[in-house]
Protein backbone atom coordinates (compact mmCIF):
# COMPACT_ATOMS: atom_id res chain seq x y z
CA MET A 1 -3.19 -15.37 5.54
CA ILE A 2 -6.31 -13.58 4.39
CA PHE A 3 -7.78 -13.73 0.88
CA ILE A 4 -9.28 -10.50 -0.43
CA ARG A 5 -11.31 -9.92 -3.58
CA PHE A 6 -12.24 -6.52 -4.93
CA ALA A 7 -14.89 -5.75 -7.52
CA GLU A 8 -13.96 -6.48 -11.14
CA GLY A 9 -11.85 -3.66 -12.52
CA VAL A 10 -10.39 -2.68 -9.12
CA ASP A 11 -6.86 -4.07 -8.98
CA VAL A 12 -5.15 -4.79 -5.68
CA GLU A 13 -2.17 -2.57 -6.52
CA SER A 14 -4.43 0.49 -6.59
CA GLN A 15 -5.61 -0.41 -3.07
CA ARG A 16 -2.20 -1.20 -1.53
CA GLU A 17 -2.11 1.96 0.63
CA VAL A 18 -5.56 1.32 2.11
CA ILE A 19 -4.61 -2.31 2.78
CA ASN A 20 -1.44 -1.14 4.57
CA GLN A 21 -3.46 1.33 6.66
CA ALA A 22 -5.68 -1.56 7.77
CA GLY A 23 -2.58 -3.34 9.13
CA TYR A 24 -1.94 -5.78 6.30
CA GLU A 25 0.54 -6.26 3.48
CA VAL A 26 0.15 -8.03 0.16
CA ALA A 27 1.80 -11.43 0.48
CA GLN A 28 0.91 -12.71 -2.98
CA SER A 29 -0.74 -11.08 -5.97
CA LEU A 30 -2.50 -13.34 -8.44
CA TYR A 31 -1.54 -12.43 -12.02
CA TYR A 32 -4.62 -14.16 -13.46
CA ALA A 33 -6.95 -12.26 -11.10
CA PRO A 34 -5.51 -8.78 -10.44
CA HIS A 35 -8.51 -7.89 -8.27
CA THR A 36 -7.55 -10.57 -5.71
CA ALA A 37 -4.62 -11.22 -3.39
CA TRP A 38 -3.40 -13.05 -0.32
CA LEU A 39 -2.66 -10.70 2.57
CA ARG A 40 -0.84 -11.13 5.85
CA ALA A 41 -0.98 -9.01 8.99
CA LYS A 42 2.03 -6.70 9.25
CA SER A 43 2.68 -8.11 12.73
CA GLY A 44 2.79 -11.66 11.35
CA ASN A 45 0.40 -12.71 14.13
CA ILE A 46 -2.60 -14.84 13.19
CA VAL A 47 -4.73 -13.26 15.92
CA ASP A 48 -4.10 -9.81 14.42
CA ALA A 49 -4.89 -11.14 10.95
CA ILE A 50 -8.27 -12.47 12.03
CA ALA A 51 -9.11 -9.51 14.28
CA GLY A 52 -8.62 -7.05 11.41
CA ILE A 53 -10.96 -8.73 8.94
CA SER A 54 -13.72 -6.20 9.63
CA GLN A 55 -11.33 -3.37 8.68
CA LEU A 56 -10.69 -5.06 5.34
CA GLU A 57 -14.40 -5.59 4.75
CA ALA A 58 -14.97 -1.85 5.30
CA ILE A 59 -12.68 -0.90 2.38
CA ALA A 60 -14.58 0.43 -0.62
CA ASN A 61 -15.15 -2.07 -3.45
CA VAL A 62 -14.24 -5.13 -1.35
CA GLU A 63 -16.51 -8.02 -2.28
CA ASN A 64 -15.04 -10.86 -0.24
CA VAL A 65 -12.59 -11.42 2.64
CA GLU A 66 -11.79 -14.92 3.91
CA PRO A 67 -9.14 -16.30 6.26
CA GLN A 68 -7.06 -19.21 5.04
CA MET A 69 -8.11 -22.12 7.21
CA LEU A 70 -5.48 -24.64 6.20
CA MET A 71 -3.04 -25.95 8.77
CA GLU A 72 0.27 -27.71 8.54
CA ARG A 73 -0.07 -31.48 8.39
CA GLY A 74 0.49 -33.16 11.73
CA TRP A 75 1.45 -36.77 12.37
CA ARG A 76 -0.23 -38.81 15.08
């Protein structure tokens, strides 16, 4: 998943079409921060999610884009 943050006053819902055009969909909106959201690549592929980060960064009013770097816990 990819975390995106727009400038204050720019809610994610108003940018949904541009996000979709970049190859992503909103996975989770954050009610307490309407200018942020978790996105996932439409393909569901992590490689596509990471490869498209530059497209997200090019969207107007985007202030921050970060991949989620957590992994499932593994036992030794």
